Structures are given as C-alpha cells and as structure tokens.
Amino acid sequence: MARRIGMYFAWDRTAEAGAPLGDLNNRLPALFELRRQFWPRYEILAEAPGGQGIDGFLRAVFMQNFALFGEQVAKATGESVGHMERRTSAAETLLTDAVLDKYDTLIIISFDSQRPQAITPAETEALRGFLARPETMMFVCPHHDIGDTDELPKDAALKRQTAEFAHHGDVTLPGQQRTGGFAVSLMAALGAPVRNRFGLRPAATEHGDPAPFRLAGEDQQRLLTDVPYLNLHPHLPHYERLGAGETALEVLVRQVVDPGAPPHPVVPPGSLFDAVLQARPEAGLGRLTVCDTTLWTSVFGGLEGLHVFWKNVITAQAR
C-alpha cells in the first residue's frame, strides 16, 4: 500500500504575507525585491498572480520550490501530497486526530518568521498518537535562525549580523531572519527540545556538488541509503539538542561548514554542524526526524541526492 504523505506549513500565512515591508527583519521577501535583486532572471513574474508583495513571492516562488517533491510522490504512489497550512485568511488547520489519520508520513515545514505559532496540548497528544502507529513517520523541519542578537548592544549586534550575512552570502536575506518557532515549540512539547541555530554555508566539492555528509549514527529508517549528499542551501541550521533532547535524540548527519566561506562569528569554517537528528528507539517518539525545510525543495543543488532521499521516504516500510 502506498504511503499517504502530508506536508504541513506551520505558519499564519496572512500574517506572513502582511508583514510590513518597511521592516526588513524577520519576514520573507516581496516578489518585487526578488526581481530587483536578480534582474532579469525573474522578469517572467512581473505580472504574477498574487501581486508583487510577499504574497506574490509565496505563490510564485516559495511554494513552487516544493513542487518537484510532490511530482515524485504522485508518480511513485498515484496520490498527491496532502497540503495543509496552519492558518490562512480562510481557515485554521490544527493537528487533530482527524487530520493525522489521513496520513502515514507527516512533514512539518516550520518557516514561520517570528509571528508566534505554538503547538497546543491537544495537538501534542494527537501527535503522540500518530507517532505510536507502526506505519508512521514524521519529519520536523525548522529552518535557520540568523541574526540572533537579543543579548548584544546595538553596535555589537550590527557587527555580528554583518559577519553572518557575509558568511552565507545570500543577498535576499536581511540581517535577522529567525524562523522555526512552531517546530521548536513542538519538539519541546514532545519532551525532546531542540534549538535551530545560525545559518551555516555547507561545503561543496571542487566540481560544485554538495560535499558528502558525515553519518554520525545508525540510519534506523534507511533514509540515507544510496544518498551521496544533501543540498547546498547557503544557510543551514545547526540543531542543538537541549536538556532532555540530548537523551531523546541522536545526531544522524553532520555536515562541514564551507572552509572557503567568510568566517562565521560563532562557528569556525571547516567545523562540523549537526544537520539531521533522529529519535532514539527508547525515546518513545517513533520514527521522528529533525531536518531542514530545504531538503524538500528543488532549487539549491544536490538534486541527485535529494531524489534518492525522497524515494527512500516514499518507499519506507512500516516498523
């Protein structure tokens, strides 16, 4: 029987789209900004549905980045990926038993940009029930946390954010883009707290492919069988395990920070960061994996490896 795969975008889409453009921090780019930064690459989107603001970017660019994964799922299973958003202008979709019963694999995309989204106790219990089913898998995917300078004075904060910006080199980002609050609240509620830290540039080979990852533990779910590498998104998070998270979770994948990148203010180039975590068998969290949102997208390189990774997810067997 084909796996039933659902993708849950844990944001308030109306709040994301309505973020004030005058505040550069903690928001997604507007479509007109992207067109200006990469002119003339995106001129085909000059009259895109959704307009030239943030909503236009979400419709024409961001959501399209996940389309190739959906196409691979549909081709392999004959079923489309279930698409859910936590809050839109039309509806609220919480993670209830009724929602979760429709799926065997749940992928939680936590790209929420400091517009508070926190899991409820009822949802936590529903997710525990979901993870207890022998056929289920869950991927919790908080993105980066760039420009965290809450405890620094203004001058030091700007200096650190400037160094982080130079390190990842992505001109579409502001000095601060802190994402993933829903995923962080979810993992804490499950008793396996993590923190998504920084935005680190991963190393590449001399041929421009992503550098091979370092397997740090037993691949319990065989997600990485025949996967040569992951992707080259320029700002990947380090997943720090906090408190009980160290007992409940183990590191599955470590990646190398690009030795040739401008120095990061905290993490030295050439060092390893924890890129993928998995629940320990004794933790009672079933087949739970923590990884980056961009492992489900198609625009940051490493497609050869991602296609194999997706195939392994799609064809995974029950415990």
Protein backbone atom coordinates (compact mmCIF):
# COMPACT_ATOMS: atom_id res chain seq x y z
CA MET A 1 0.00 0.00 0.00
CA ALA A 2 1.37 3.43 -0.98
CA ARG A 3 2.33 5.82 1.78
CA ARG A 4 -0.02 8.75 2.35
CA ILE A 5 2.18 11.82 2.66
CA GLY A 6 1.11 15.16 4.08
CA MET A 7 3.03 18.45 4.18
CA TYR A 8 2.04 20.91 6.90
CA PHE A 9 3.14 24.55 6.66
CA ALA A 10 3.16 25.73 10.26
CA TRP A 11 2.56 29.43 9.76
CA ASP A 12 -0.09 32.09 9.74
CA ARG A 13 0.06 32.79 6.02
CA THR A 14 -1.94 36.00 6.26
CA ALA A 15 0.46 37.37 8.88
CA GLU A 16 3.49 36.34 6.82
CA ALA A 17 2.10 37.96 3.67
CA GLY A 18 1.08 41.08 5.57
CA ALA A 19 4.39 41.76 7.31
CA PRO A 20 5.31 45.45 6.91
CA LEU A 21 7.78 45.94 4.07
CA GLY A 22 9.47 48.79 5.91
CA ASP A 23 10.83 46.34 8.50
CA LEU A 24 13.43 44.22 6.73
CA ASN A 25 13.87 41.77 9.59
CA ASN A 26 12.01 38.52 10.20
CA ARG A 27 9.95 38.44 7.06
CA LEU A 28 10.03 36.76 3.67
CA PRO A 29 10.96 38.86 0.63
CA ALA A 30 8.43 40.60 -1.57
CA LEU A 31 8.38 39.47 -5.17
CA PHE A 32 9.44 42.91 -6.43
CA GLU A 33 12.52 42.73 -4.18
CA LEU A 34 13.49 39.36 -5.62
CA ARG A 35 13.03 40.65 -9.17
CA ARG A 36 15.22 43.66 -8.46
CA GLN A 37 17.96 41.65 -6.76
CA PHE A 38 18.17 39.05 -9.53
CA TRP A 39 17.17 41.10 -12.57
CA PRO A 40 16.39 39.92 -15.26
CA ARG A 41 16.05 36.33 -14.01
CA TYR A 42 12.51 36.71 -12.64
CA GLU A 43 11.05 39.17 -15.14
CA ILE A 44 8.66 36.44 -16.25
CA LEU A 45 6.94 37.06 -12.89
CA ALA A 46 6.37 40.78 -13.46
CA GLU A 47 2.61 40.17 -13.57
CA ALA A 48 2.42 37.06 -11.38
CA PRO A 49 -0.82 36.14 -9.58
CA GLY A 50 -0.72 37.37 -6.00
CA GLY A 51 0.90 40.68 -6.88
CA GLN A 52 4.41 41.94 -6.27
CA GLY A 53 4.37 41.79 -2.48
CA ILE A 54 5.16 38.94 -0.08
CA ASP A 55 2.04 37.01 -1.10
CA GLY A 56 3.26 37.10 -4.69
CA PHE A 57 6.58 35.64 -3.58
CA LEU A 58 4.83 32.88 -1.61
CA ARG A 59 2.65 31.91 -4.56
CA ALA A 60 5.06 32.27 -7.45
CA VAL A 61 8.35 31.22 -5.86
CA PHE A 62 8.32 29.78 -2.35
CA MET A 63 5.55 27.20 -2.69
CA GLN A 64 6.76 26.23 -6.15
CA ASN A 65 10.06 25.12 -4.64
CA PHE A 66 8.27 22.08 -3.16
CA ALA A 67 6.55 21.09 -6.40
CA LEU A 68 9.18 18.61 -7.62
CA PHE A 69 8.90 16.54 -4.44
CA GLY A 70 5.13 16.45 -4.93
CA GLU A 71 5.58 15.30 -8.51
CA GLN A 72 7.86 12.46 -7.42
CA VAL A 73 5.35 11.36 -4.78
CA ALA A 74 2.49 11.41 -7.29
CA LYS A 75 4.47 9.43 -9.85
CA ALA A 76 5.50 6.80 -7.31
CA THR A 77 2.24 6.43 -5.39
CA GLY A 78 -0.51 7.69 -7.68
CA GLU A 79 -1.54 10.08 -4.90
CA SER A 80 -0.82 13.76 -4.46
CA VAL A 81 0.89 15.16 -1.37
CA GLY A 82 -1.63 16.48 1.14
CA HIS A 83 -1.11 20.23 1.52
CA MET A 84 -2.09 21.96 4.76
CA GLU A 85 -1.45 25.42 6.21
CA ARG A 86 -1.89 26.15 9.88
CA ARG A 87 -3.64 29.48 9.35
CA THR A 88 -4.85 31.27 6.26
CA SER A 89 -7.39 34.03 5.77
CA ALA A 90 -9.99 31.32 5.12
CA ALA A 91 -9.33 28.62 7.72
CA GLU A 92 -7.30 27.24 10.61
CA THR A 93 -6.00 23.67 10.39
CA LEU A 94 -4.75 22.26 13.67
CA LEU A 95 -3.07 18.87 14.03
CA THR A 96 -6.02 16.85 15.27
CA ASP A 97 -6.61 13.09 15.18
CA ALA A 98 -8.98 13.59 12.25
CA VAL A 99 -6.26 15.36 10.24
CA LEU A 100 -3.46 12.97 11.18
CA ASP A 101 -5.47 9.82 10.43
CA LYS A 102 -5.29 10.74 6.73
CA TYR A 103 -1.50 10.30 6.60
CA ASP A 104 1.31 7.85 7.25
CA THR A 105 4.10 10.40 6.70
CA LEU A 106 3.87 13.94 8.03
CA ILE A 107 6.37 16.64 7.02
CA ILE A 108 6.13 19.79 9.16
CA ILE A 109 7.63 22.80 7.38
CA SER A 110 8.38 25.40 10.04
CA PHE A 111 9.30 28.55 8.13
CA ASP A 112 7.23 30.80 10.39
CA SER A 113 9.02 34.12 10.80
CA GLN A 114 8.70 35.25 14.41
CA ARG A 115 4.92 35.50 14.16
CA PRO A 116 4.12 33.31 17.15
CA GLN A 117 2.81 29.86 16.31
CA ALA A 118 2.85 27.41 19.21
CA ILE A 119 1.54 23.89 19.43
CA THR A 120 -1.44 23.22 21.72
CA PRO A 121 -1.63 20.44 24.35
CA ALA A 122 -4.37 18.70 22.34
CA GLU A 123 -2.17 18.71 19.25
CA THR A 124 0.74 17.29 21.25
CA GLU A 125 -1.39 14.35 22.33
CA ALA A 126 -2.61 13.82 18.77
CA LEU A 127 0.98 13.75 17.51
CA ARG A 128 1.99 11.26 20.20
CA GLY A 129 -0.82 9.02 18.98
CA PHE A 130 0.32 9.48 15.39
CA LEU A 131 3.93 8.56 16.22
CA ALA A 132 2.77 5.45 18.12
CA ARG A 133 1.29 3.94 14.95
CA PRO A 134 3.73 1.38 13.46
CA GLU A 135 3.45 2.71 9.92
CA THR A 136 4.03 6.40 10.59
CA MET A 137 6.98 8.73 10.06
CA MET A 138 7.28 12.39 11.00
CA PHE A 139 9.79 15.00 9.85
CA VAL A 140 10.01 18.21 11.87
CA CYS A 141 11.74 20.89 9.81
CA PRO A 142 12.65 24.22 11.38
CA HIS A 143 14.72 26.43 9.11
CA HIS A 144 17.57 28.75 10.14
CA ASP A 145 17.88 31.31 12.95
CA ILE A 146 20.00 34.11 11.51
CA GLY A 147 20.92 37.30 13.33
CA ASP A 148 20.03 36.29 16.89
CA THR A 149 21.48 39.26 18.77
CA ASP A 150 18.94 39.77 21.54
CA GLU A 151 21.60 39.95 24.25
CA LEU A 152 24.03 42.21 22.41
CA PRO A 153 24.22 46.03 22.42
CA LYS A 154 23.26 47.73 19.15
CA ASP A 155 26.77 48.24 17.75
CA ALA A 156 27.85 44.68 18.53
CA ALA A 157 24.58 43.33 17.14
CA LEU A 158 25.10 45.03 13.79
CA LYS A 159 28.71 43.79 13.62
CA ARG A 160 27.64 40.20 14.26
CA GLN A 161 24.77 40.33 11.80
CA THR A 162 27.08 41.77 9.16
CA ALA A 163 29.51 38.88 9.68
CA GLU A 164 26.70 36.31 9.43
CA PHE A 165 25.47 37.99 6.23
CA ALA A 166 28.94 37.81 4.68
CA HIS A 167 29.27 34.16 5.70
CA HIS A 168 26.15 32.86 3.97
CA GLY A 169 26.26 35.40 1.14
CA ASP A 170 22.54 35.31 0.33
CA VAL A 171 21.51 38.82 -0.71
CA THR A 172 17.80 38.00 -0.34
CA LEU A 173 18.14 37.80 3.45
CA PRO A 174 18.02 40.71 5.90
CA GLY A 175 20.32 40.93 8.89
CA GLN A 176 17.88 38.98 11.02
CA GLN A 177 15.58 36.20 9.88
CA ARG A 178 14.61 33.96 12.78
CA THR A 179 12.33 31.12 11.76
CA GLY A 180 11.04 27.81 13.09
CA GLY A 181 9.18 28.78 16.24
CA PHE A 182 6.41 26.24 15.75
CA ALA A 183 8.86 23.36 15.33
CA VAL A 184 10.78 24.43 18.42
CA SER A 185 7.56 24.52 20.48
CA LEU A 186 6.51 21.12 19.07
CA MET A 187 9.79 19.42 19.98
CA ALA A 188 9.72 20.91 23.49
CA ALA A 189 6.14 19.68 23.96
CA LEU A 190 7.21 16.17 22.94
CA GLY A 191 9.95 16.23 25.58
CA ALA A 192 12.81 16.45 23.07
CA PRO A 193 13.71 20.15 22.92
CA VAL A 194 15.99 21.49 20.20
CA ARG A 195 17.16 24.87 19.04
CA ASN A 196 17.79 25.69 15.39
CA ARG A 197 20.92 27.84 15.44
CA PHE A 198 22.60 30.02 12.85
CA GLY A 199 22.60 29.85 9.07
CA LEU A 200 25.72 27.97 8.02
CA ARG A 201 27.06 27.58 4.49
CA PRO A 202 27.77 23.88 3.77
CA ALA A 203 30.90 22.78 1.97
CA ALA A 204 30.97 21.88 -1.73
CA THR A 205 33.33 19.72 -3.77
CA GLU A 206 35.70 21.16 -6.37
CA HIS A 207 33.12 20.18 -9.00
CA GLY A 208 30.40 22.23 -7.31
CA ASP A 209 28.39 19.36 -5.84
CA PRO A 210 27.46 19.30 -2.16
CA ALA A 211 30.24 17.74 -0.11
CA PRO A 212 29.35 14.28 1.20
CA PHE A 213 27.77 14.33 4.65
CA ARG A 214 29.18 12.51 7.67
CA LEU A 215 26.94 9.74 9.01
CA ALA A 216 27.02 10.12 12.79
CA GLY A 217 24.73 7.25 13.85
CA GLU A 218 22.86 4.21 12.61
CA ASP A 219 20.39 5.14 9.87
CA GLN A 220 17.46 3.44 11.58
CA GLN A 221 14.91 4.25 8.88
CA ARG A 222 17.27 3.79 5.91
CA LEU A 223 16.53 7.31 4.78
CA LEU A 224 20.08 7.82 3.53
CA THR A 225 20.64 4.54 1.67
CA ASP A 226 22.48 5.36 -1.58
CA VAL A 227 22.17 9.11 -0.89
CA PRO A 228 25.54 10.67 -1.91
CA TYR A 229 24.93 14.13 -0.47
CA LEU A 230 22.20 16.56 0.57
CA ASN A 231 21.93 20.11 -0.79
CA LEU A 232 23.78 23.42 -0.95
CA HIS A 233 21.34 25.81 0.62
CA PRO A 234 23.63 28.65 1.78
CA HIS A 235 22.23 28.95 5.29
CA LEU A 236 21.55 25.63 7.03
CA PRO A 237 20.85 25.40 10.76
CA HIS A 238 22.79 23.55 13.42
CA TYR A 239 20.30 21.58 15.53
CA GLU A 240 21.35 21.94 19.14
CA ARG A 241 19.80 19.37 21.47
CA LEU A 242 18.68 20.92 24.75
CA GLY A 243 18.13 19.22 28.10
CA ALA A 244 16.05 16.06 27.62
CA GLY A 245 16.62 16.42 23.88
CA GLU A 246 20.12 15.00 24.32
CA THR A 247 18.63 11.81 25.72
CA ALA A 248 15.69 11.55 23.33
CA LEU A 249 17.52 12.45 20.12
CA GLU A 250 20.76 11.46 18.46
CA VAL A 251 22.71 13.05 15.62
CA LEU A 252 22.25 11.23 12.32
CA VAL A 253 24.06 13.58 9.92
CA ARG A 254 26.83 16.09 10.33
CA GLN A 255 27.95 18.45 7.58
CA VAL A 256 31.08 20.52 7.08
CA VAL A 257 30.92 24.31 7.15
CA ASP A 258 32.42 25.62 3.91
CA PRO A 259 36.14 26.16 4.65
CA GLY A 260 36.29 28.85 1.97
CA ALA A 261 33.38 30.90 3.25
CA PRO A 262 33.93 34.19 5.07
CA PRO A 263 34.25 33.39 8.76
CA HIS A 264 31.09 32.92 10.77
CA PRO A 265 31.18 34.86 14.08
CA VAL A 266 30.48 31.73 16.16
CA VAL A 267 31.11 28.56 14.10
CA PRO A 268 34.58 28.28 12.50
CA PRO A 269 34.79 27.35 8.80
CA GLY A 270 35.69 23.67 8.33
CA SER A 271 33.95 22.58 11.52
CA LEU A 272 31.03 20.16 11.67
CA PHE A 273 27.42 21.03 12.44
CA ASP A 274 24.53 18.73 13.37
CA ALA A 275 22.31 18.77 10.27
CA VAL A 276 19.88 15.88 10.88
CA LEU A 277 18.65 14.36 14.15
CA GLN A 278 16.58 11.24 14.79
CA ALA A 279 14.68 9.95 17.81
CA ARG A 280 16.42 7.22 19.77
CA PRO A 281 14.45 3.94 19.74
CA GLU A 282 13.96 4.04 23.51
CA ALA A 283 12.58 7.61 23.48
CA GLY A 284 9.03 6.55 22.65
CA LEU A 285 8.79 9.02 19.77
CA GLY A 286 8.50 6.53 16.94
CA ARG A 287 10.17 7.40 13.66
CA LEU A 288 10.78 11.10 14.16
CA THR A 289 13.45 13.02 12.24
CA VAL A 290 14.55 16.65 12.57
CA CYS A 291 15.95 18.13 9.35
CA ASP A 292 15.95 21.33 7.33
CA THR A 293 12.99 22.53 5.27
CA THR A 294 15.12 22.78 2.15
CA LEU A 295 15.59 19.00 1.96
CA TRP A 296 12.11 19.00 0.37
CA THR A 297 12.85 21.72 -2.20
CA SER A 298 14.47 21.58 -5.61
CA VAL A 299 16.35 24.83 -6.16
CA PHE A 300 19.51 24.65 -4.04
CA GLY A 301 21.52 21.94 -5.77
CA GLY A 302 22.10 18.32 -4.82
CA LEU A 303 19.07 17.06 -6.75
CA GLU A 304 20.69 13.70 -7.45
CA GLY A 305 20.94 13.05 -3.73
CA LEU A 306 17.54 14.53 -2.89
CA HIS A 307 15.74 12.37 -5.45
CA VAL A 308 17.17 9.27 -3.74
CA PHE A 309 16.32 10.64 -0.29
CA TRP A 310 12.74 11.30 -1.42
CA LYS A 311 12.47 7.81 -2.89
CA ASN A 312 13.59 6.33 0.42
CA VAL A 313 10.93 8.33 2.27
CA ILE A 314 8.22 7.39 -0.22
CA THR A 315 9.00 3.66 -0.15
CA ALA A 316 9.68 3.32 3.60
CA GLN A 317 8.11 0.28 5.20
CA ALA A 318 6.23 0.04 8.48
CA ARG A 319 8.19 -0.90 11.59
